[in-house]
Amino acid sequence: MSEIYVMQRANGDVFALDHSRGFCVPLFHSNSDAMTARSRNGGMLLFKPIALNDRLLQEIVPKEGRSDVALLLVKDPLRSLKHGLPLERAELLLLLGNPA
């Protein structure tokens, strides 16, 4: 299973950006990419990188038919977090090695 990281606060909140249709959750390829993005975005200072697990998947991955949460795979953590690759739920599951 490939590791993908999200930013999470101690109380369990996951970092998300305002998006035109709701929220956008940035995803990162590595812990260091997430920390680099955090150093460039003051809104992420209270968040730390957490490997995406089944519980977090259920919490943040939009269910089929829901469009208020967008997933964005950040390719370059030095650029704006909004310049990532949009992912659908099925694409994320395949990337994580979970075809379900």
PDB file of N, CA and C in Angstrom:
ATOM      1  N   MET A   1       0.844  -1.180   0.000  1.00  0.00           N
ATOM      2  CA  MET A   1       0.000   0.000   0.000  1.00  0.00           C
ATOM      3  C   MET A   1       0.880   1.232   0.000  1.00  0.00           C
ATOM      4  N   SER A   2       0.656   2.112  -0.944  1.00  0.00           N
ATOM      5  CA  SER A   2       1.383   3.370  -1.038  1.00  0.00           C
ATOM      6  C   SER A   2       0.890   4.312   0.053  1.00  0.00           C
ATOM      7  N   GLU A   3       1.795   5.082   0.638  1.00  0.00           N
ATOM      8  CA  GLU A   3       1.395   6.002   1.702  1.00  0.00           C
ATOM      9  C   GLU A   3       1.061   7.363   1.115  1.00  0.00           C
ATOM     10  N   ILE A   4      -0.065   7.883   1.523  1.00  0.00           N
ATOM     11  CA  ILE A   4      -0.513   9.227   1.190  1.00  0.00           C
ATOM     12  C   ILE A   4      -0.778   9.914   2.529  1.00  0.00           C
ATOM     13  N   TYR A   5      -0.406  11.186   2.620  1.00  0.00           N
ATOM     14  CA  TYR A   5      -0.517  11.908   3.881  1.00  0.00           C
ATOM     15  C   TYR A   5      -1.531  13.033   3.799  1.00  0.00           C
ATOM     16  N   VAL A   6      -2.211  13.256   4.916  1.00  0.00           N
ATOM     17  CA  VAL A   6      -3.087  14.406   5.104  1.00  0.00           C
ATOM     18  C   VAL A   6      -2.562  15.157   6.314  1.00  0.00           C
ATOM     19  N   MET A   7      -3.005  16.390   6.460  1.00  0.00           N
ATOM     20  CA  MET A   7      -2.614  17.174   7.629  1.00  0.00           C
ATOM     21  C   MET A   7      -3.756  17.111   8.640  1.00  0.00           C
ATOM     22  N   GLN A   8      -3.405  16.746   9.886  1.00  0.00           N
ATOM     23  CA  GLN A   8      -4.425  16.571  10.914  1.00  0.00           C
ATOM     24  C   GLN A   8      -4.004  17.293  12.183  1.00  0.00           C
ATOM     25  N   ARG A   9      -4.971  17.904  12.847  1.00  0.00           N
ATOM     26  CA  ARG A   9      -4.746  18.577  14.113  1.00  0.00           C
ATOM     27  C   ARG A   9      -4.893  17.570  15.249  1.00  0.00           C
ATOM     28  N   ALA A  10      -4.414  17.922  16.438  1.00  0.00           N
ATOM     29  CA  ALA A  10      -4.470  17.021  17.593  1.00  0.00           C
ATOM     30  C   ALA A  10      -5.901  16.607  17.935  1.00  0.00           C
ATOM     31  N   ASN A  11      -6.878  17.471  17.665  1.00  0.00           N
ATOM     32  CA  ASN A  11      -8.263  17.129  17.979  1.00  0.00           C
ATOM     33  C   ASN A  11      -8.924  16.263  16.897  1.00  0.00           C
ATOM     34  N   GLY A  12      -8.176  15.918  15.847  1.00  0.00           N
ATOM     35  CA  GLY A  12      -8.690  15.047  14.803  1.00  0.00           C
ATOM     36  C   GLY A  12      -9.160  15.758  13.553  1.00  0.00           C
ATOM     37  N   ASP A  13      -9.264  17.091  13.592  1.00  0.00           N
ATOM     38  CA  ASP A  13      -9.671  17.834  12.402  1.00  0.00           C
ATOM     39  C   ASP A  13      -8.640  17.662  11.296  1.00  0.00           C
ATOM     40  N   VAL A  14      -9.113  17.514  10.081  1.00  0.00           N
ATOM     41  CA  VAL A  14      -8.258  17.397   8.910  1.00  0.00           C
ATOM     42  C   VAL A  14      -8.219  18.753   8.219  1.00  0.00           C
ATOM     43  N   PHE A  15      -7.026  19.167   7.785  1.00  0.00           N
ATOM     44  CA  PHE A  15      -6.872  20.450   7.115  1.00  0.00           C
ATOM     45  C   PHE A  15      -7.585  20.428   5.769  1.00  0.00           C
ATOM     46  N   ALA A  16      -8.368  21.475   5.512  1.00  0.00           N
ATOM     47  CA  ALA A  16      -9.064  21.624   4.235  1.00  0.00           C
ATOM     48  C   ALA A  16      -9.091  23.098   3.855  1.00  0.00           C
ATOM     49  N   LEU A  17      -9.057  23.339   2.569  1.00  0.00           N
ATOM     50  CA  LEU A  17      -9.148  24.693   2.023  1.00  0.00           C
ATOM     51  C   LEU A  17     -10.574  24.947   1.559  1.00  0.00           C
ATOM     52  N   ASP A  18     -10.982  26.222   1.579  1.00  0.00           N
ATOM     53  CA  ASP A  18     -12.267  26.568   0.977  1.00  0.00           C
ATOM     54  C   ASP A  18     -12.181  26.311  -0.511  1.00  0.00           C
ATOM     55  N   HIS A  19     -13.219  25.759  -1.040  1.00  0.00           N
ATOM     56  CA  HIS A  19     -13.281  25.399  -2.457  1.00  0.00           C
ATOM     57  C   HIS A  19     -14.592  25.942  -2.999  1.00  0.00           C
ATOM     58  N   SER A  20     -14.675  26.172  -4.269  1.00  0.00           N
ATOM     59  CA  SER A  20     -15.879  26.766  -4.856  1.00  0.00           C
ATOM     60  C   SER A  20     -17.150  25.974  -4.539  1.00  0.00           C
ATOM     61  N   ARG A  21     -17.040  24.663  -4.408  1.00  0.00           N
ATOM     62  CA  ARG A  21     -18.220  23.830  -4.135  1.00  0.00           C
ATOM     63  C   ARG A  21     -18.231  23.264  -2.721  1.00  0.00           C
ATOM     64  N   GLY A  22     -17.332  23.688  -1.853  1.00  0.00           N
ATOM     65  CA  GLY A  22     -17.274  23.148  -0.497  1.00  0.00           C
ATOM     66  C   GLY A  22     -15.857  23.219   0.047  1.00  0.00           C
ATOM     67  N   PHE A  23     -15.244  22.068   0.251  1.00  0.00           N
ATOM     68  CA  PHE A  23     -13.901  22.002   0.811  1.00  0.00           C
ATOM     69  C   PHE A  23     -12.972  21.201  -0.082  1.00  0.00           C
ATOM     70  N   CYS A  24     -11.688  21.488   0.045  1.00  0.00           N
ATOM     71  CA  CYS A  24     -10.659  20.793  -0.718  1.00  0.00           C
ATOM     72  C   CYS A  24      -9.617  20.274   0.275  1.00  0.00           C
ATOM     73  N   VAL A  25      -9.407  18.980   0.309  1.00  0.00           N
ATOM     74  CA  VAL A  25      -8.437  18.360   1.210  1.00  0.00           C
ATOM     75  C   VAL A  25      -7.156  18.075   0.427  1.00  0.00           C
ATOM     76  N   PRO A  26      -6.058  18.764   0.771  1.00  0.00           N
ATOM     77  CA  PRO A  26      -4.795  18.468   0.088  1.00  0.00           C
ATOM     78  C   PRO A  26      -4.198  17.159   0.596  1.00  0.00           C
ATOM     79  N   LEU A  27      -3.691  16.363  -0.325  1.00  0.00           N
ATOM     80  CA  LEU A  27      -3.039  15.083  -0.027  1.00  0.00           C
ATOM     81  C   LEU A  27      -1.595  15.180  -0.487  1.00  0.00           C
ATOM     82  N   PHE A  28      -0.700  14.492   0.220  1.00  0.00           N
ATOM     83  CA  PHE A  28       0.732  14.596  -0.065  1.00  0.00           C
ATOM     84  C   PHE A  28       1.337  13.208  -0.261  1.00  0.00           C
ATOM     85  N   HIS A  29       2.363  13.141  -1.127  1.00  0.00           N
ATOM     86  CA  HIS A  29       3.065  11.885  -1.405  1.00  0.00           C
ATOM     87  C   HIS A  29       3.952  11.434  -0.245  1.00  0.00           C
ATOM     88  N   SER A  30       4.425  12.383   0.568  1.00  0.00           N
ATOM     89  CA  SER A  30       5.344  12.016   1.640  1.00  0.00           C
ATOM     90  C   SER A  30       5.181  12.951   2.833  1.00  0.00           C
ATOM     91  N   ASN A  31       5.717  12.507   3.949  1.00  0.00           N
ATOM     92  CA  ASN A  31       5.742  13.304   5.163  1.00  0.00           C
ATOM     93  C   ASN A  31       6.508  14.606   4.910  1.00  0.00           C
ATOM     94  N   SER A  32       7.624  14.523   4.208  1.00  0.00           N
ATOM     95  CA  SER A  32       8.439  15.719   3.975  1.00  0.00           C
ATOM     96  C   SER A  32       7.732  16.709   3.041  1.00  0.00           C
ATOM     97  N   ASP A  33       6.989  16.222   2.058  1.00  0.00           N
ATOM     98  CA  ASP A  33       6.207  17.126   1.208  1.00  0.00           C
ATOM     99  C   ASP A  33       5.171  17.877   2.046  1.00  0.00           C
ATOM    100  N   ALA A  34       4.511  17.159   2.940  1.00  0.00           N
ATOM    101  CA  ALA A  34       3.509  17.780   3.806  1.00  0.00           C
ATOM    102  C   ALA A  34       4.147  18.831   4.719  1.00  0.00           C
ATOM    103  N   MET A  35       5.314  18.530   5.258  1.00  0.00           N
ATOM    104  CA  MET A  35       5.999  19.490   6.132  1.00  0.00           C
ATOM    105  C   MET A  35       6.485  20.714   5.351  1.00  0.00           C
ATOM    106  N   THR A  36       6.900  20.521   4.114  1.00  0.00           N
ATOM    107  CA  THR A  36       7.308  21.643   3.271  1.00  0.00           C
ATOM    108  C   THR A  36       6.118  22.557   3.011  1.00  0.00           C
ATOM    109  N   ALA A  37       4.981  21.968   2.664  1.00  0.00           N
ATOM    110  CA  ALA A  37       3.771  22.762   2.432  1.00  0.00           C
ATOM    111  C   ALA A  37       3.363  23.484   3.714  1.00  0.00           C
ATOM    112  N   ARG A  38       3.478  22.833   4.841  1.00  0.00           N
ATOM    113  CA  ARG A  38       3.134  23.433   6.128  1.00  0.00           C
ATOM    114  C   ARG A  38       4.006  24.655   6.413  1.00  0.00           C
ATOM    115  N   SER A  39       5.294  24.572   6.080  1.00  0.00           N
ATOM    116  CA  SER A  39       6.196  25.700   6.350  1.00  0.00           C
ATOM    117  C   SER A  39       5.854  26.914   5.487  1.00  0.00           C
ATOM    118  N   ARG A  40       5.143  26.706   4.391  1.00  0.00           N
ATOM    119  CA  ARG A  40       4.797  27.796   3.473  1.00  0.00           C
ATOM    120  C   ARG A  40       3.360  28.286   3.645  1.00  0.00           C
ATOM    121  N   ASN A  41       2.591  27.657   4.526  1.00  0.00           N
ATOM    122  CA  ASN A  41       1.193  28.004   4.709  1.00  0.00           C
ATOM    123  C   ASN A  41       0.903  28.121   6.203  1.00  0.00           C
ATOM    124  N   GLY A  42       0.772  29.347   6.683  1.00  0.00           N
ATOM    125  CA  GLY A  42       0.561  29.592   8.111  1.00  0.00           C
ATOM    126  C   GLY A  42      -0.680  28.932   8.683  1.00  0.00           C
ATOM    127  N   GLY A  43      -1.690  28.685   7.847  1.00  0.00           N
ATOM    128  CA  GLY A  43      -2.912  28.047   8.317  1.00  0.00           C
ATOM    129  C   GLY A  43      -2.722  26.586   8.694  1.00  0.00           C
ATOM    130  N   MET A  44      -1.581  26.015   8.322  1.00  0.00           N
ATOM    131  CA  MET A  44      -1.328  24.600   8.605  1.00  0.00           C
ATOM    132  C   MET A  44      -0.428  24.379   9.821  1.00  0.00           C
ATOM    133  N   LEU A  45      -0.019  25.439  10.494  1.00  0.00           N
ATOM    134  CA  LEU A  45       0.969  25.317  11.568  1.00  0.00           C
ATOM    135  C   LEU A  45       0.525  24.410  12.710  1.00  0.00           C
ATOM    136  N   LEU A  46      -0.754  24.319  12.972  1.00  0.00           N
ATOM    137  CA  LEU A  46      -1.245  23.469  14.062  1.00  0.00           C
ATOM    138  C   LEU A  46      -1.548  22.042  13.614  1.00  0.00           C
ATOM    139  N   PHE A  47      -1.223  21.735  12.371  1.00  0.00           N
ATOM    140  CA  PHE A  47      -1.488  20.418  11.799  1.00  0.00           C
ATOM    141  C   PHE A  47      -0.184  19.665  11.598  1.00  0.00           C
ATOM    142  N   LYS A  48      -0.268  18.332  11.639  1.00  0.00           N
ATOM    143  CA  LYS A  48       0.912  17.510  11.361  1.00  0.00           C
ATOM    144  C   LYS A  48       0.536  16.427  10.356  1.00  0.00           C
ATOM    145  N   PRO A  49       1.521  15.951   9.609  1.00  0.00           N
ATOM    146  CA  PRO A  49       1.234  14.922   8.605  1.00  0.00           C
ATOM    147  C   PRO A  49       0.876  13.585   9.255  1.00  0.00           C
ATOM    148  N   ILE A  50      -0.177  12.989   8.745  1.00  0.00           N
ATOM    149  CA  ILE A  50      -0.635  11.675   9.208  1.00  0.00           C
ATOM    150  C   ILE A  50      -0.855  10.816   7.964  1.00  0.00           C
ATOM    151  N   ALA A  51      -0.348   9.590   7.998  1.00  0.00           N
ATOM    152  CA  ALA A  51      -0.583   8.675   6.884  1.00  0.00           C
ATOM    153  C   ALA A  51      -2.071   8.351   6.819  1.00  0.00           C
ATOM    154  N   LEU A  52      -2.611   8.393   5.638  1.00  0.00           N
ATOM    155  CA  LEU A  52      -4.020   8.097   5.431  1.00  0.00           C
ATOM    156  C   LEU A  52      -4.279   6.638   5.786  1.00  0.00           C
ATOM    157  N   ASN A  53      -5.243   6.411   6.677  1.00  0.00           N
ATOM    158  CA  ASN A  53      -5.607   5.051   7.075  1.00  0.00           C
ATOM    159  C   ASN A  53      -7.102   4.848   6.826  1.00  0.00           C
ATOM    160  N   ASP A  54      -7.607   3.674   7.120  1.00  0.00           N
ATOM    161  CA  ASP A  54      -9.007   3.364   6.835  1.00  0.00           C
ATOM    162  C   ASP A  54      -9.975   4.314   7.534  1.00  0.00           C
ATOM    163  N   ARG A  55      -9.691   4.657   8.778  1.00  0.00           N
ATOM    164  CA  ARG A  55     -10.578   5.560   9.521  1.00  0.00           C
ATOM    165  C   ARG A  55     -10.625   6.936   8.866  1.00  0.00           C
ATOM    166  N   LEU A  56      -9.451   7.475   8.525  1.00  0.00           N
ATOM    167  CA  LEU A  56      -9.404   8.780   7.865  1.00  0.00           C
ATOM    168  C   LEU A  56     -10.043   8.730   6.485  1.00  0.00           C
ATOM    169  N   LEU A  57      -9.853   7.629   5.791  1.00  0.00           N
ATOM    170  CA  LEU A  57     -10.495   7.480   4.481  1.00  0.00           C
ATOM    171  C   LEU A  57     -12.004   7.617   4.607  1.00  0.00           C
ATOM    172  N   GLN A  58     -12.576   6.933   5.574  1.00  0.00           N
ATOM    173  CA  GLN A  58     -14.022   7.005   5.779  1.00  0.00           C
ATOM    174  C   GLN A  58     -14.462   8.416   6.141  1.00  0.00           C
ATOM    175  N   GLU A  59     -13.604   9.134   6.857  1.00  0.00           N
ATOM    176  CA  GLU A  59     -13.941  10.482   7.314  1.00  0.00           C
ATOM    177  C   GLU A  59     -13.849  11.524   6.202  1.00  0.00           C
ATOM    178  N   ILE A  60     -12.813  11.441   5.376  1.00  0.00           N
ATOM    179  CA  ILE A  60     -12.594  12.525   4.414  1.00  0.00           C
ATOM    180  C   ILE A  60     -12.937  12.200   2.974  1.00  0.00           C
ATOM    181  N   VAL A  61     -12.891  10.941   2.591  1.00  0.00           N
ATOM    182  CA  VAL A  61     -13.142  10.603   1.195  1.00  0.00           C
ATOM    183  C   VAL A  61     -14.633  10.729   0.921  1.00  0.00           C
ATOM    184  N   PRO A  62     -14.988  11.558  -0.052  1.00  0.00           N
ATOM    185  CA  PRO A  62     -16.411  11.737  -0.340  1.00  0.00           C
ATOM    186  C   PRO A  62     -17.061  10.441  -0.810  1.00  0.00           C
ATOM    187  N   LYS A  63     -18.234  10.217  -0.326  1.00  0.00           N
ATOM    188  CA  LYS A  63     -19.010   9.059  -0.774  1.00  0.00           C
ATOM    189  C   LYS A  63     -19.467   9.322  -2.202  1.00  0.00           C
ATOM    190  N   GLU A  64     -19.783   8.275  -2.903  1.00  0.00           N
ATOM    191  CA  GLU A  64     -20.255   8.414  -4.283  1.00  0.00           C
ATOM    192  C   GLU A  64     -21.463   9.357  -4.301  1.00  0.00           C
ATOM    193  N   GLY A  65     -21.441  10.295  -5.229  1.00  0.00           N
ATOM    194  CA  GLY A  65     -22.553  11.222  -5.359  1.00  0.00           C
ATOM    195  C   GLY A  65     -22.398  12.500  -4.552  1.00  0.00           C
ATOM    196  N   ARG A  66     -21.447  12.539  -3.628  1.00  0.00           N
ATOM    197  CA  ARG A  66     -21.210  13.762  -2.850  1.00  0.00           C
ATOM    198  C   ARG A  66     -20.164  14.592  -3.567  1.00  0.00           C
ATOM    199  N   SER A  67     -20.400  15.896  -3.653  1.00  0.00           N
ATOM    200  CA  SER A  67     -19.443  16.730  -4.356  1.00  0.00           C
ATOM    201  C   SER A  67     -18.983  17.921  -3.522  1.00  0.00           C
ATOM    202  N   ASP A  68     -19.242  17.910  -2.205  1.00  0.00           N
ATOM    203  CA  ASP A  68     -18.858  19.051  -1.380  1.00  0.00           C
ATOM    204  C   ASP A  68     -17.429  18.950  -0.852  1.00  0.00           C
ATOM    205  N   VAL A  69     -16.764  17.813  -1.061  1.00  0.00           N
ATOM    206  CA  VAL A  69     -15.369  17.637  -0.649  1.00  0.00           C
ATOM    207  C   VAL A  69     -14.556  17.200  -1.861  1.00  0.00           C
ATOM    208  N   ALA A  70     -13.545  18.008  -2.181  1.00  0.00           N
ATOM    209  CA  ALA A  70     -12.655  17.663  -3.293  1.00  0.00           C
ATOM    210  C   ALA A  70     -11.329  17.185  -2.717  1.00  0.00           C
ATOM    211  N   LEU A  71     -10.705  16.236  -3.377  1.00  0.00           N
ATOM    212  CA  LEU A  71      -9.395  15.722  -2.979  1.00  0.00           C
ATOM    213  C   LEU A  71      -8.378  16.213  -3.991  1.00  0.00           C
ATOM    214  N   LEU A  72      -7.244  16.711  -3.493  1.00  0.00           N
ATOM    215  CA  LEU A  72      -6.239  17.291  -4.370  1.00  0.00           C
ATOM    216  C   LEU A  72      -4.871  16.739  -4.009  1.00  0.00           C
ATOM    217  N   LEU A  73      -4.270  15.968  -4.903  1.00  0.00           N
ATOM    218  CA  LEU A  73      -2.944  15.417  -4.679  1.00  0.00           C
ATOM    219  C   LEU A  73      -1.913  16.481  -5.054  1.00  0.00           C
ATOM    220  N   VAL A  74      -1.190  16.971  -4.063  1.00  0.00           N
ATOM    221  CA  VAL A  74      -0.230  18.054  -4.260  1.00  0.00           C
ATOM    222  C   VAL A  74       1.051  17.470  -4.844  1.00  0.00           C
ATOM    223  N   LYS A  75       1.373  17.874  -6.057  1.00  0.00           N
ATOM    224  CA  LYS A  75       2.577  17.394  -6.736  1.00  0.00           C
ATOM    225  C   LYS A  75       3.818  18.139  -6.257  1.00  0.00           C
ATOM    226  N   ASP A  76       3.724  19.449  -6.103  1.00  0.00           N
ATOM    227  CA  ASP A  76       4.856  20.288  -5.715  1.00  0.00           C
ATOM    228  C   ASP A  76       4.481  21.097  -4.481  1.00  0.00           C
ATOM    229  N   PRO A  77       4.984  20.734  -3.302  1.00  0.00           N
ATOM    230  CA  PRO A  77       4.597  21.423  -2.075  1.00  0.00           C
ATOM    231  C   PRO A  77       5.107  22.869  -1.987  1.00  0.00           C
ATOM    232  N   LEU A  78       5.967  23.268  -2.922  1.00  0.00           N
ATOM    233  CA  LEU A  78       6.462  24.647  -2.934  1.00  0.00           C
ATOM    234  C   LEU A  78       5.506  25.588  -3.660  1.00  0.00           C
ATOM    235  N   ARG A  79       4.567  25.038  -4.400  1.00  0.00           N
ATOM    236  CA  ARG A  79       3.563  25.843  -5.097  1.00  0.00           C
ATOM    237  C   ARG A  79       2.325  25.960  -4.220  1.00  0.00           C
ATOM    238  N   SER A  80       1.378  26.735  -4.677  1.00  0.00           N
ATOM    239  CA  SER A  80       0.109  26.873  -3.979  1.00  0.00           C
ATOM    240  C   SER A  80      -0.550  25.502  -3.843  1.00  0.00           C
ATOM    241  N   LEU A  81      -1.214  25.287  -2.731  1.00  0.00           N
ATOM    242  CA  LEU A  81      -1.886  24.006  -2.496  1.00  0.00           C
ATOM    243  C   LEU A  81      -3.011  23.762  -3.496  1.00  0.00           C
ATOM    244  N   LYS A  82      -3.475  24.802  -4.149  1.00  0.00           N
ATOM    245  CA  LYS A  82      -4.562  24.655  -5.111  1.00  0.00           C
ATOM    246  C   LYS A  82      -4.069  24.183  -6.476  1.00  0.00           C
ATOM    247  N   HIS A  83      -2.759  24.024  -6.645  1.00  0.00           N
ATOM    248  CA  HIS A  83      -2.195  23.556  -7.909  1.00  0.00           C
ATOM    249  C   HIS A  83      -1.839  22.077  -7.812  1.00  0.00           C
ATOM    250  N   GLY A  84      -2.806  21.280  -7.553  1.00  0.00           N
ATOM    251  CA  GLY A  84      -2.587  19.844  -7.447  1.00  0.00           C
ATOM    252  C   GLY A  84      -3.438  19.089  -8.444  1.00  0.00           C
ATOM    253  N   LEU A  85      -3.359  17.795  -8.354  1.00  0.00           N
ATOM    254  CA  LEU A  85      -4.101  16.920  -9.241  1.00  0.00           C
ATOM    255  C   LEU A  85      -5.405  16.495  -8.552  1.00  0.00           C
ATOM    256  N   PRO A  86      -6.560  16.891  -9.097  1.00  0.00           N
ATOM    257  CA  PRO A  86      -7.824  16.463  -8.483  1.00  0.00           C
ATOM    258  C   PRO A  86      -7.976  14.942  -8.578  1.00  0.00           C
ATOM    259  N   LEU A  87      -8.410  14.339  -7.492  1.00  0.00           N
ATOM    260  CA  LEU A  87      -8.601  12.890  -7.450  1.00  0.00           C
ATOM    261  C   LEU A  87     -10.048  12.553  -7.131  1.00  0.00           C
ATOM    262  N   GLU A  88     -10.534  11.542  -7.785  1.00  0.00           N
ATOM    263  CA  GLU A  88     -11.831  10.984  -7.437  1.00  0.00           C
ATOM    264  C   GLU A  88     -11.600   9.907  -6.380  1.00  0.00           C
ATOM    265  N   ARG A  89     -12.657   9.515  -5.697  1.00  0.00           N
ATOM    266  CA  ARG A  89     -12.565   8.498  -4.641  1.00  0.00           C
ATOM    267  C   ARG A  89     -11.935   7.208  -5.169  1.00  0.00           C
ATOM    268  N   ALA A  90     -12.389   6.748  -6.320  1.00  0.00           N
ATOM    269  CA  ALA A  90     -11.884   5.493  -6.886  1.00  0.00           C
ATOM    270  C   ALA A  90     -10.390   5.596  -7.216  1.00  0.00           C
ATOM    271  N   GLU A  91      -9.960   6.739  -7.719  1.00  0.00           N
ATOM    272  CA  GLU A  91      -8.549   6.935  -8.049  1.00  0.00           C
ATOM    273  C   GLU A  91      -7.687   6.886  -6.796  1.00  0.00           C
ATOM    274  N   LEU A  92      -8.155   7.511  -5.723  1.00  0.00           N
ATOM    275  CA  LEU A  92      -7.408   7.491  -4.469  1.00  0.00           C
ATOM    276  C   LEU A  92      -7.292   6.076  -3.927  1.00  0.00           C
ATOM    277  N   LEU A  93      -8.373   5.328  -3.975  1.00  0.00           N
ATOM    278  CA  LEU A  93      -8.348   3.949  -3.481  1.00  0.00           C
ATOM    279  C   LEU A  93      -7.374   3.099  -4.281  1.00  0.00           C
ATOM    280  N   LEU A  94      -7.330   3.287  -5.604  1.00  0.00           N
ATOM    281  CA  LEU A  94      -6.374   2.546  -6.425  1.00  0.00           C
ATOM    282  C   LEU A  94      -4.944   2.947  -6.108  1.00  0.00           C
ATOM    283  N   LEU A  95      -4.723   4.233  -5.883  1.00  0.00           N
ATOM    284  CA  LEU A  95      -3.394   4.732  -5.537  1.00  0.00           C
ATOM    285  C   LEU A  95      -2.912   4.144  -4.206  1.00  0.00           C
ATOM    286  N   LEU A  96      -3.847   3.939  -3.302  1.00  0.00           N
ATOM    287  CA  LEU A  96      -3.518   3.372  -1.994  1.00  0.00           C
ATOM    288  C   LEU A  96      -3.429   1.844  -2.030  1.00  0.00           C
ATOM    289  N   GLY A  97      -3.770   1.255  -3.163  1.00  0.00           N
ATOM    290  CA  GLY A  97      -3.705  -0.200  -3.271  1.00  0.00           C
ATOM    291  C   GLY A  97      -4.939  -0.880  -2.723  1.00  0.00           C
ATOM    292  N   ASN A  98      -6.036  -0.144  -2.609  1.00  0.00           N
ATOM    293  CA  ASN A  98      -7.293  -0.673  -2.092  1.00  0.00           C
ATOM    294  C   ASN A  98      -8.341  -0.553  -3.184  1.00  0.00           C
ATOM    295  N   PRO A  99      -8.554  -1.577  -3.983  1.00  0.00           N
ATOM    296  CA  PRO A  99      -9.484  -1.469  -5.112  1.00  0.00           C
ATOM    297  C   PRO A  99     -10.959  -1.427  -4.747  1.00  0.00           C
ATOM    298  N   ALA A 100     -11.287  -1.562  -3.469  1.00  0.00           N
ATOM    299  CA  ALA A 100     -12.700  -1.611  -3.059  1.00  0.00           C
ATOM    300  C   ALA A 100     -13.428  -0.337  -3.354  1.00  0.00           C
TER     301      ALA A 100
END
